[in-house]
Protein backbone atom coordinates (compact mmCIF):
# COMPACT_ATOMS: atom_id res chain seq x y z
CA MET A 1 79.76 85.54 81.36
CA SER A 2 81.31 84.08 78.71
CA VAL A 3 81.26 84.36 74.82
CA TYR A 4 79.71 80.98 75.15
CA GLU A 5 77.05 81.53 78.02
CA THR A 6 76.12 84.50 76.16
CA ALA A 7 74.94 82.72 72.43
CA VAL A 8 73.80 80.28 74.95
CA SER A 9 71.39 82.19 76.59
CA ARG A 10 70.58 84.18 73.24
CA TYR A 11 70.02 80.93 71.79
CA PHE A 12 67.01 79.96 74.44
CA ALA A 13 65.70 83.87 74.36
CA ALA A 14 65.19 82.43 70.58
CA TRP A 15 63.47 79.02 71.16
CA ASN A 16 61.06 80.72 74.46
CA ALA A 17 60.12 83.81 71.93
CA ALA A 18 56.54 83.33 71.83
CA ASP A 19 55.63 86.49 69.72
CA PRO A 20 56.57 86.15 66.09
CA ALA A 21 57.75 89.80 65.96
CA ALA A 22 60.08 89.12 68.88
CA ARG A 23 60.78 85.43 67.56
CA ASP A 24 62.39 87.33 64.44
CA LYS A 25 64.32 89.49 66.37
CA ALA A 26 65.80 86.87 68.86
CA VAL A 27 67.32 84.80 66.19
CA ALA A 28 68.34 87.42 64.45
CA ALA A 29 70.88 87.98 67.70
CA ALA A 30 71.42 84.81 68.05
CA TRP A 31 72.40 83.49 64.96
CA THR A 32 74.47 84.68 61.84
CA GLU A 33 72.73 85.17 58.81
CA ASP A 34 73.80 81.84 57.12
CA ALA A 35 73.48 79.76 60.29
CA THR A 36 72.38 76.53 59.99
CA TYR A 37 70.15 74.33 62.55
CA THR A 38 70.73 70.34 62.70
CA ASP A 39 69.13 67.74 64.35
CA PRO A 40 67.43 64.00 64.07
CA LEU A 41 63.96 65.85 63.02
CA ALA A 42 64.90 69.44 61.69
CA GLU A 43 67.58 70.73 58.85
CA VAL A 44 67.16 74.36 58.21
CA GLY A 45 69.58 77.07 57.58
CA GLY A 46 68.91 81.14 57.57
CA HIS A 47 66.84 83.57 59.92
CA ALA A 48 63.59 82.69 58.33
CA GLY A 49 64.23 78.52 58.81
CA LEU A 50 65.44 78.81 62.10
CA ALA A 51 62.58 80.98 62.98
CA ALA A 52 60.06 78.21 61.29
CA ALA A 53 60.95 75.36 62.51
CA ILE A 54 61.06 77.36 66.36
CA ALA A 55 57.47 78.14 65.66
CA GLY A 56 56.71 74.40 64.87
CA ALA A 57 58.49 73.47 68.16
CA GLN A 58 56.13 75.98 70.00
CA GLU A 59 53.60 74.94 68.43
CA GLN A 60 53.97 71.23 68.62
CA PHE A 61 54.89 72.05 72.59
CA PRO A 62 52.50 74.77 73.38
CA GLY A 63 53.16 76.40 76.95
CA PHE A 64 56.78 74.67 77.43
CA GLU A 65 60.08 76.38 77.71
CA PHE A 66 63.49 75.70 76.56
CA ARG A 67 66.00 75.33 79.74
CA LEU A 68 69.89 74.90 79.84
CA LEU A 69 70.42 71.78 82.17
CA GLY A 70 74.01 71.98 83.73
CA ALA A 71 76.93 74.60 82.40
CA VAL A 72 77.93 75.74 79.14
CA ASP A 73 81.25 73.62 78.23
CA GLY A 74 83.37 75.96 75.62
CA HIS A 75 86.83 75.81 73.63
CA HIS A 76 87.70 78.01 70.83
CA ASP A 77 84.56 78.41 68.21
CA THR A 78 82.68 75.69 69.87
CA ALA A 79 80.69 75.15 72.55
CA ARG A 80 78.37 72.58 74.04
CA PHE A 81 75.25 72.89 76.91
CA THR A 82 72.76 70.16 77.72
CA TRP A 83 68.92 71.27 77.53
CA GLU A 84 65.61 70.43 78.95
CA LEU A 85 62.13 71.06 77.36
CA VAL A 86 59.93 71.95 80.75
CA ALA A 87 56.35 71.79 80.21
CA PRO A 88 53.53 74.00 82.41
CA ASP A 89 53.38 71.04 85.40
CA GLY A 90 57.44 71.27 85.72
CA SER A 91 57.99 67.94 84.42
CA ALA A 92 60.72 67.53 81.49
CA PRO A 93 59.99 65.02 78.37
CA VAL A 94 62.44 66.15 76.13
CA GLN A 95 66.45 66.60 76.88
CA GLY A 96 69.08 66.95 74.51
CA PHE A 97 72.32 68.51 74.12
CA ASP A 98 73.40 71.06 71.35
CA VAL A 99 76.87 71.32 69.82
CA VAL A 100 76.90 75.09 68.51
CA THR A 101 80.00 76.95 66.83
CA LEU A 102 79.80 80.66 66.98
CA ALA A 103 81.03 83.31 64.42
CA GLU A 104 83.70 86.44 64.93
CA ASP A 105 80.45 88.99 66.65
CA GLY A 106 80.08 85.56 68.99
CA ARG A 107 76.41 84.50 66.69
CA ILE A 108 75.94 81.06 65.93
CA ARG A 109 77.16 79.51 62.61
CA THR A 110 76.12 75.90 63.44
CA VAL A 111 73.91 73.96 65.36
CA LEU A 112 74.28 70.11 65.57
CA GLY A 113 71.29 69.15 68.43
CA PHE A 114 71.39 65.73 69.56
CA LEU A 115 67.56 64.38 71.40
CA ASP A 116 68.70 62.28 74.36
CA ARG A 117 65.14 61.66 75.96
CA VAL A 118 62.25 62.68 73.51
CA PRO A 119 58.35 61.50 74.30
CA GLY A 120 56.95 58.03 73.30
């Protein structure tokens, strides 16, 4: 697995961790302490801010799971990937893509997220 695929795998593990303690551990494994996350609906930083944003998404979409859609593409310290948010019934009402920059240790420093499909 490439450094980009590993980082994205950890990213999804954090977004899909429902238990608060497991989420905190997954966030720390995926992101640097000073990491930032920005998308059209959120702008947060640090492990506490990231964990809170993830918890908020899980509250809004209970039982849903973030999944990678396609391959991870990366060069230098930057990767991009497409994802979907899958409902328990298998539908995917939300889709987007993210661009991440990585620190030297392979954890994420920044996320710039884009929403391609959202419910009305």
